[in-house]
Amino acid sequence: MLKSIRFLLLSVQLLSQIFGAVNSPDFCCFDFFDKRIPKANIVSINKTHSQCSTPAFTPKRLFCVKQDEDWAVREFVKRAQ
């Protein structure tokens, strides 16, 4: 009986780690570029994962720009259309 409970607990723990990793962020920003990037230099722009501590945009994943920067929001919306 004790072995069955131990096996069940280990199985639940393993499955929770597997499914938790599926929704975890692969890239978050911790340092931010605080200057405006010229439109011509932005090839692509993406949002960071919703579980990151600070929401950000990542133009071509070279820089991190906070999502409260108006120019970055406009550029993200424009390219999402």
PDB file of N, CA and C in Angstrom:
ATOM      1  N   MET A   1       0.821  -1.198   0.000  1.00  0.00           N
ATOM      2  CA  MET A   1       0.000   0.000   0.000  1.00  0.00           C
ATOM      3  C   MET A   1       0.867   1.265   0.000  1.00  0.00           C
ATOM      4  N   LEU A   2       1.894   1.266   0.820  1.00  0.00           N
ATOM      5  CA  LEU A   2       2.785   2.422   0.906  1.00  0.00           C
ATOM      6  C   LEU A   2       3.511   2.654  -0.416  1.00  0.00           C
ATOM      7  N   LYS A   3       3.895   1.574  -1.088  1.00  0.00           N
ATOM      8  CA  LYS A   3       4.559   1.707  -2.390  1.00  0.00           C
ATOM      9  C   LYS A   3       3.615   2.310  -3.423  1.00  0.00           C
ATOM     10  N   SER A   4       2.354   1.945  -3.372  1.00  0.00           N
ATOM     11  CA  SER A   4       1.370   2.479  -4.320  1.00  0.00           C
ATOM     12  C   SER A   4       1.179   3.975  -4.119  1.00  0.00           C
ATOM     13  N   ILE A   5       1.105   4.400  -2.872  1.00  0.00           N
ATOM     14  CA  ILE A   5       0.939   5.830  -2.574  1.00  0.00           C
ATOM     15  C   ILE A   5       2.181   6.597  -3.008  1.00  0.00           C
ATOM     16  N   ARG A   6       3.353   6.063  -2.719  1.00  0.00           N
ATOM     17  CA  ARG A   6       4.604   6.711  -3.109  1.00  0.00           C
ATOM     18  C   ARG A   6       4.688   6.833  -4.633  1.00  0.00           C
ATOM     19  N   PHE A   7       4.324   5.762  -5.341  1.00  0.00           N
ATOM     20  CA  PHE A   7       4.332   5.783  -6.807  1.00  0.00           C
ATOM     21  C   PHE A   7       3.351   6.826  -7.338  1.00  0.00           C
ATOM     22  N   LEU A   8       2.168   6.888  -6.748  1.00  0.00           N
ATOM     23  CA  LEU A   8       1.158   7.858  -7.176  1.00  0.00           C
ATOM     24  C   LEU A   8       1.649   9.287  -6.969  1.00  0.00           C
ATOM     25  N   LEU A   9       2.237   9.569  -5.817  1.00  0.00           N
ATOM     26  CA  LEU A   9       2.750  10.912  -5.539  1.00  0.00           C
ATOM     27  C   LEU A   9       3.880  11.297  -6.489  1.00  0.00           C
ATOM     28  N   LEU A  10       4.780  10.379  -6.757  1.00  0.00           N
ATOM     29  CA  LEU A  10       5.868  10.661  -7.694  1.00  0.00           C
ATOM     30  C   LEU A  10       5.337  10.891  -9.105  1.00  0.00           C
ATOM     31  N   SER A  11       4.328  10.129  -9.491  1.00  0.00           N
ATOM     32  CA  SER A  11       3.730  10.301 -10.822  1.00  0.00           C
ATOM     33  C   SER A  11       3.067  11.660 -10.955  1.00  0.00           C
ATOM     34  N   VAL A  12       2.333  12.064  -9.928  1.00  0.00           N
ATOM     35  CA  VAL A  12       1.670  13.374  -9.947  1.00  0.00           C
ATOM     36  C   VAL A  12       2.709  14.485 -10.012  1.00  0.00           C
ATOM     37  N   GLN A  13       3.771  14.372  -9.239  1.00  0.00           N
ATOM     38  CA  GLN A  13       4.824  15.387  -9.248  1.00  0.00           C
ATOM     39  C   GLN A  13       5.489  15.477 -10.623  1.00  0.00           C
ATOM     40  N   LEU A  14       5.785  14.352 -11.219  1.00  0.00           N
ATOM     41  CA  LEU A  14       6.412  14.331 -12.539  1.00  0.00           C
ATOM     42  C   LEU A  14       5.501  14.956 -13.587  1.00  0.00           C
ATOM     43  N   LEU A  15       4.242  14.591 -13.577  1.00  0.00           N
ATOM     44  CA  LEU A  15       3.299  15.143 -14.557  1.00  0.00           C
ATOM     45  C   LEU A  15       3.113  16.645 -14.371  1.00  0.00           C
ATOM     46  N   SER A  16       3.089  17.122 -13.132  1.00  0.00           N
ATOM     47  CA  SER A  16       2.928  18.559 -12.912  1.00  0.00           C
ATOM     48  C   SER A  16       4.141  19.326 -13.429  1.00  0.00           C
ATOM     49  N   GLN A  17       5.334  18.761 -13.314  1.00  0.00           N
ATOM     50  CA  GLN A  17       6.529  19.417 -13.844  1.00  0.00           C
ATOM     51  C   GLN A  17       6.522  19.425 -15.364  1.00  0.00           C
ATOM     52  N   ILE A  18       6.066  18.344 -15.963  1.00  0.00           N
ATOM     53  CA  ILE A  18       6.019  18.268 -17.425  1.00  0.00           C
ATOM     54  C   ILE A  18       5.031  19.281 -17.979  1.00  0.00           C
ATOM     55  N   PHE A  19       3.820  19.314 -17.425  1.00  0.00           N
ATOM     56  CA  PHE A  19       2.805  20.226 -17.940  1.00  0.00           C
ATOM     57  C   PHE A  19       3.086  21.670 -17.555  1.00  0.00           C
ATOM     58  N   GLY A  20       3.760  21.900 -16.447  1.00  0.00           N
ATOM     59  CA  GLY A  20       4.143  23.253 -16.068  1.00  0.00           C
ATOM     60  C   GLY A  20       5.184  23.818 -17.011  1.00  0.00           C
ATOM     61  N   ALA A  21       6.064  22.985 -17.527  1.00  0.00           N
ATOM     62  CA  ALA A  21       7.115  23.436 -18.447  1.00  0.00           C
ATOM     63  C   ALA A  21       6.550  23.820 -19.800  1.00  0.00           C
ATOM     64  N   VAL A  22       5.416  23.255 -20.172  1.00  0.00           N
ATOM     65  CA  VAL A  22       4.815  23.560 -21.469  1.00  0.00           C
ATOM     66  C   VAL A  22       4.400  25.019 -21.543  1.00  0.00           C
ATOM     67  N   ASN A  23       3.900  25.576 -20.444  1.00  0.00           N
ATOM     68  CA  ASN A  23       3.406  26.948 -20.436  1.00  0.00           C
ATOM     69  C   ASN A  23       4.403  27.948 -19.871  1.00  0.00           C
ATOM     70  N   SER A  24       5.616  27.535 -19.613  1.00  0.00           N
ATOM     71  CA  SER A  24       6.587  28.455 -19.039  1.00  0.00           C
ATOM     72  C   SER A  24       7.246  29.290 -20.134  1.00  0.00           C
ATOM     73  N   PRO A  25       7.665  30.499 -19.781  1.00  0.00           N
ATOM     74  CA  PRO A  25       8.288  31.371 -20.780  1.00  0.00           C
ATOM     75  C   PRO A  25       9.648  30.854 -21.224  1.00  0.00           C
ATOM     76  N   ASP A  26       9.962  31.055 -22.497  1.00  0.00           N
ATOM     77  CA  ASP A  26      11.281  30.669 -22.991  1.00  0.00           C
ATOM     78  C   ASP A  26      12.227  31.861 -23.027  1.00  0.00           C
ATOM     79  N   PHE A  27      11.675  33.071 -22.901  1.00  0.00           N
ATOM     80  CA  PHE A  27      12.506  34.268 -22.947  1.00  0.00           C
ATOM     81  C   PHE A  27      11.814  35.388 -22.184  1.00  0.00           C
ATOM     82  N   CYS A  28      12.476  35.968 -21.206  1.00  0.00           N
ATOM     83  CA  CYS A  28      11.969  37.123 -20.460  1.00  0.00           C
ATOM     84  C   CYS A  28      13.037  38.215 -20.462  1.00  0.00           C
ATOM     85  N   CYS A  29      12.611  39.441 -20.267  1.00  0.00           N
ATOM     86  CA  CYS A  29      13.531  40.585 -20.263  1.00  0.00           C
ATOM     87  C   CYS A  29      13.790  41.060 -18.836  1.00  0.00           C
ATOM     88  N   PHE A  30      15.034  41.402 -18.564  1.00  0.00           N
ATOM     89  CA  PHE A  30      15.395  41.939 -17.262  1.00  0.00           C
ATOM     90  C   PHE A  30      16.133  43.273 -17.396  1.00  0.00           C
ATOM     91  N   ASP A  31      16.704  43.534 -18.542  1.00  0.00           N
ATOM     92  CA  ASP A  31      17.334  44.819 -18.852  1.00  0.00           C
ATOM     93  C   ASP A  31      16.620  45.392 -20.062  1.00  0.00           C
ATOM     94  N   PHE A  32      16.407  46.711 -20.053  1.00  0.00           N
ATOM     95  CA  PHE A  32      15.602  47.321 -21.105  1.00  0.00           C
ATOM     96  C   PHE A  32      16.345  48.433 -21.826  1.00  0.00           C
ATOM     97  N   PHE A  33      16.107  48.487 -23.119  1.00  0.00           N
ATOM     98  CA  PHE A  33      16.643  49.537 -23.986  1.00  0.00           C
ATOM     99  C   PHE A  33      15.690  50.712 -23.858  1.00  0.00           C
ATOM    100  N   ASP A  34      16.181  51.879 -23.434  1.00  0.00           N
ATOM    101  CA  ASP A  34      15.279  52.989 -23.134  1.00  0.00           C
ATOM    102  C   ASP A  34      15.205  54.064 -24.212  1.00  0.00           C
ATOM    103  N   LYS A  35      15.780  53.805 -25.357  1.00  0.00           N
ATOM    104  CA  LYS A  35      15.702  54.778 -26.450  1.00  0.00           C
ATOM    105  C   LYS A  35      14.789  54.241 -27.548  1.00  0.00           C
ATOM    106  N   ARG A  36      14.270  55.151 -28.348  1.00  0.00           N
ATOM    107  CA  ARG A  36      13.401  54.757 -29.450  1.00  0.00           C
ATOM    108  C   ARG A  36      14.236  54.123 -30.561  1.00  0.00           C
ATOM    109  N   ILE A  37      13.726  53.035 -31.117  1.00  0.00           N
ATOM    110  CA  ILE A  37      14.395  52.360 -32.228  1.00  0.00           C
ATOM    111  C   ILE A  37      13.737  52.834 -33.516  1.00  0.00           C
ATOM    112  N   PRO A  38      14.498  53.307 -34.492  1.00  0.00           N
ATOM    113  CA  PRO A  38      13.903  53.760 -35.755  1.00  0.00           C
ATOM    114  C   PRO A  38      13.097  52.646 -36.426  1.00  0.00           C
ATOM    115  N   LYS A  39      11.936  53.013 -36.989  1.00  0.00           N
ATOM    116  CA  LYS A  39      11.050  52.036 -37.639  1.00  0.00           C
ATOM    117  C   LYS A  39      11.787  51.198 -38.675  1.00  0.00           C
ATOM    118  N   ALA A  40      12.658  51.822 -39.424  1.00  0.00           N
ATOM    119  CA  ALA A  40      13.379  51.119 -40.491  1.00  0.00           C
ATOM    120  C   ALA A  40      14.266  49.994 -39.942  1.00  0.00           C
ATOM    121  N   ASN A  41      14.647  50.097 -38.683  1.00  0.00           N
ATOM    122  CA  ASN A  41      15.514  49.083 -38.081  1.00  0.00           C
ATOM    123  C   ASN A  41      14.748  47.940 -37.417  1.00  0.00           C
ATOM    124  N   ILE A  42      13.423  48.061 -37.352  1.00  0.00           N
ATOM    125  CA  ILE A  42      12.621  47.007 -36.724  1.00  0.00           C
ATOM    126  C   ILE A  42      12.178  46.023 -37.794  1.00  0.00           C
ATOM    127  N   VAL A  43      12.756  44.846 -37.763  1.00  0.00           N
ATOM    128  CA  VAL A  43      12.418  43.801 -38.728  1.00  0.00           C
ATOM    129  C   VAL A  43      11.231  42.993 -38.221  1.00  0.00           C
ATOM    130  N   SER A  44      11.218  42.679 -36.932  1.00  0.00           N
ATOM    131  CA  SER A  44      10.101  41.964 -36.314  1.00  0.00           C
ATOM    132  C   SER A  44       9.977  42.432 -34.868  1.00  0.00           C
ATOM    133  N   ILE A  45       8.779  42.257 -34.304  1.00  0.00           N
ATOM    134  CA  ILE A  45       8.556  42.661 -32.914  1.00  0.00           C
ATOM    135  C   ILE A  45       7.566  41.681 -32.295  1.00  0.00           C
ATOM    136  N   ASN A  46       7.886  41.195 -31.105  1.00  0.00           N
ATOM    137  CA  ASN A  46       7.044  40.219 -30.414  1.00  0.00           C
ATOM    138  C   ASN A  46       6.871  40.615 -28.959  1.00  0.00           C
ATOM    139  N   LYS A  47       5.813  40.090 -28.340  1.00  0.00           N
ATOM    140  CA  LYS A  47       5.602  40.279 -26.908  1.00  0.00           C
ATOM    141  C   LYS A  47       6.301  39.153 -26.158  1.00  0.00           C
ATOM    142  N   THR A  48       6.757  39.468 -24.951  1.00  0.00           N
ATOM    143  CA  THR A  48       7.282  38.410 -24.097  1.00  0.00           C
ATOM    144  C   THR A  48       6.107  37.615 -23.522  1.00  0.00           C
ATOM    145  N   HIS A  49       6.392  36.474 -22.963  1.00  0.00           N
ATOM    146  CA  HIS A  49       5.381  35.587 -22.391  1.00  0.00           C
ATOM    147  C   HIS A  49       4.639  36.295 -21.251  1.00  0.00           C
ATOM    148  N   SER A  50       3.372  35.996 -21.082  1.00  0.00           N
ATOM    149  CA  SER A  50       2.560  36.651 -20.051  1.00  0.00           C
ATOM    150  C   SER A  50       3.031  36.322 -18.632  1.00  0.00           C
ATOM    151  N   GLN A  51       3.803  35.267 -18.455  1.00  0.00           N
ATOM    152  CA  GLN A  51       4.304  34.918 -17.127  1.00  0.00           C
ATOM    153  C   GLN A  51       5.630  35.595 -16.792  1.00  0.00           C
ATOM    154  N   CYS A  52       6.175  36.377 -17.698  1.00  0.00           N
ATOM    155  CA  CYS A  52       7.400  37.128 -17.397  1.00  0.00           C
ATOM    156  C   CYS A  52       7.072  38.216 -16.377  1.00  0.00           C
ATOM    157  N   SER A  53       8.026  38.566 -15.532  1.00  0.00           N
ATOM    158  CA  SER A  53       7.774  39.540 -14.469  1.00  0.00           C
ATOM    159  C   SER A  53       7.492  40.943 -14.998  1.00  0.00           C
ATOM    160  N   THR A  54       8.113  41.337 -16.101  1.00  0.00           N
ATOM    161  CA  THR A  54       7.873  42.646 -16.702  1.00  0.00           C
ATOM    162  C   THR A  54       7.452  42.458 -18.149  1.00  0.00           C
ATOM    163  N   PRO A  55       6.227  42.892 -18.511  1.00  0.00           N
ATOM    164  CA  PRO A  55       5.787  42.778 -19.906  1.00  0.00           C
ATOM    165  C   PRO A  55       6.706  43.602 -20.806  1.00  0.00           C
ATOM    166  N   ALA A  56       7.078  43.033 -21.935  1.00  0.00           N
ATOM    167  CA  ALA A  56       7.999  43.733 -22.831  1.00  0.00           C
ATOM    168  C   ALA A  56       7.759  43.329 -24.275  1.00  0.00           C
ATOM    169  N   PHE A  57       8.283  44.156 -25.183  1.00  0.00           N
ATOM    170  CA  PHE A  57       8.355  43.830 -26.598  1.00  0.00           C
ATOM    171  C   PHE A  57       9.805  43.493 -26.899  1.00  0.00           C
ATOM    172  N   THR A  58      10.007  42.581 -27.820  1.00  0.00           N
ATOM    173  CA  THR A  58      11.370  42.232 -28.207  1.00  0.00           C
ATOM    174  C   THR A  58      11.517  42.381 -29.717  1.00  0.00           C
ATOM    175  N   PRO A  59      11.975  43.557 -30.168  1.00  0.00           N
ATOM    176  CA  PRO A  59      12.240  43.722 -31.597  1.00  0.00           C
ATOM    177  C   PRO A  59      13.385  42.805 -32.017  1.00  0.00           C
ATOM    178  N   LYS A  60      13.050  41.808 -32.811  1.00  0.00           N
ATOM    179  CA  LYS A  60      14.024  40.839 -33.331  1.00  0.00           C
ATOM    180  C   LYS A  60      14.840  40.173 -32.220  1.00  0.00           C
ATOM    181  N   ARG A  61      14.327  40.168 -31.017  1.00  0.00           N
ATOM    182  CA  ARG A  61      14.975  39.580 -29.837  1.00  0.00           C
ATOM    183  C   ARG A  61      16.375  40.126 -29.577  1.00  0.00           C
ATOM    184  N   LEU A  62      16.666  41.294 -30.084  1.00  0.00           N
ATOM    185  CA  LEU A  62      17.970  41.894 -29.819  1.00  0.00           C
ATOM    186  C   LEU A  62      17.901  42.863 -28.654  1.00  0.00           C
ATOM    187  N   PHE A  63      16.740  43.484 -28.478  1.00  0.00           N
ATOM    188  CA  PHE A  63      16.542  44.476 -27.431  1.00  0.00           C
ATOM    189  C   PHE A  63      15.252  44.155 -26.694  1.00  0.00           C
ATOM    190  N   CYS A  64      15.152  44.619 -25.466  1.00  0.00           N
ATOM    191  CA  CYS A  64      13.905  44.527 -24.713  1.00  0.00           C
ATOM    192  C   CYS A  64      13.391  45.944 -24.492  1.00  0.00           C
ATOM    193  N   VAL A  65      12.133  46.157 -24.835  1.00  0.00           N
ATOM    194  CA  VAL A  65      11.504  47.465 -24.689  1.00  0.00           C
ATOM    195  C   VAL A  65      10.240  47.269 -23.865  1.00  0.00           C
ATOM    196  N   LYS A  66      10.056  48.070 -22.820  1.00  0.00           N
ATOM    197  CA  LYS A  66       8.873  47.931 -21.971  1.00  0.00           C
ATOM    198  C   LYS A  66       7.603  48.176 -22.777  1.00  0.00           C
ATOM    199  N   GLN A  67       6.534  47.467 -22.417  1.00  0.00           N
ATOM    200  CA  GLN A  67       5.279  47.570 -23.159  1.00  0.00           C
ATOM    201  C   GLN A  67       4.546  48.875 -22.904  1.00  0.00           C
ATOM    202  N   ASP A  68       5.028  49.720 -22.024  1.00  0.00           N
ATOM    203  CA  ASP A  68       4.366  51.009 -21.827  1.00  0.00           C
ATOM    204  C   ASP A  68       4.978  52.120 -22.688  1.00  0.00           C
ATOM    205  N   GLU A  69       5.906  51.772 -23.563  1.00  0.00           N
ATOM    206  CA  GLU A  69       6.470  52.740 -24.511  1.00  0.00           C
ATOM    207  C   GLU A  69       5.495  52.902 -25.681  1.00  0.00           C
ATOM    208  N   ASP A  70       4.961  54.106 -25.859  1.00  0.00           N
ATOM    209  CA  ASP A  70       3.942  54.348 -26.895  1.00  0.00           C
ATOM    210  C   ASP A  70       4.406  53.958 -28.289  1.00  0.00           C
ATOM    211  N   TRP A  71       5.632  54.315 -28.640  1.00  0.00           N
ATOM    212  CA  TRP A  71       6.110  54.017 -29.995  1.00  0.00           C
ATOM    213  C   TRP A  71       6.186  52.512 -30.228  1.00  0.00           C
ATOM    214  N   ALA A  72       6.540  51.753 -29.189  1.00  0.00           N
ATOM    215  CA  ALA A  72       6.633  50.297 -29.330  1.00  0.00           C
ATOM    216  C   ALA A  72       5.244  49.674 -29.471  1.00  0.00           C
ATOM    217  N   VAL A  73       4.276  50.194 -28.720  1.00  0.00           N
ATOM    218  CA  VAL A  73       2.896  49.705 -28.828  1.00  0.00           C
ATOM    219  C   VAL A  73       2.366  49.953 -30.234  1.00  0.00           C
ATOM    220  N   ARG A  74       2.568  51.169 -30.745  1.00  0.00           N
ATOM    221  CA  ARG A  74       2.091  51.498 -32.105  1.00  0.00           C
ATOM    222  C   ARG A  74       2.726  50.573 -33.140  1.00  0.00           C
ATOM    223  N   GLU A  75       4.004  50.335 -33.013  1.00  0.00           N
ATOM    224  CA  GLU A  75       4.709  49.481 -33.976  1.00  0.00           C
ATOM    225  C   GLU A  75       4.233  48.029 -33.873  1.00  0.00           C
ATOM    226  N   PHE A  76       3.989  47.561 -32.655  1.00  0.00           N
ATOM    227  CA  PHE A  76       3.504  46.195 -32.464  1.00  0.00           C
ATOM    228  C   PHE A  76       2.114  46.032 -33.080  1.00  0.00           C
ATOM    229  N   VAL A  77       1.216  46.969 -32.815  1.00  0.00           N
ATOM    230  CA  VAL A  77      -0.150  46.902 -33.351  1.00  0.00           C
ATOM    231  C   VAL A  77      -0.124  46.980 -34.869  1.00  0.00           C
ATOM    232  N   LYS A  78       0.690  47.861 -35.403  1.00  0.00           N
ATOM    233  CA  LYS A  78       0.788  48.023 -36.861  1.00  0.00           C
ATOM    234  C   LYS A  78       1.238  46.723 -37.527  1.00  0.00           C
ATOM    235  N   ARG A  79       2.203  46.054 -36.939  1.00  0.00           N
ATOM    236  CA  ARG A  79       2.739  44.831 -37.548  1.00  0.00           C
ATOM    237  C   ARG A  79       1.865  43.610 -37.282  1.00  0.00           C
ATOM    238  N   ALA A  80       0.983  43.694 -36.291  1.00  0.00           N
ATOM    239  CA  ALA A  80       0.100  42.569 -35.976  1.00  0.00           C
ATOM    240  C   ALA A  80      -1.096  42.504 -36.928  1.00  0.00           C
ATOM    241  N   GLN A  81      -1.348  43.573 -37.649  1.00  0.00           N
ATOM    242  CA  GLN A  81      -2.517  43.612 -38.544  1.00  0.00           C
ATOM    243  C   GLN A  81      -2.286  42.848 -39.804  1.00  0.00           C
TER     244      GLN A  81
END
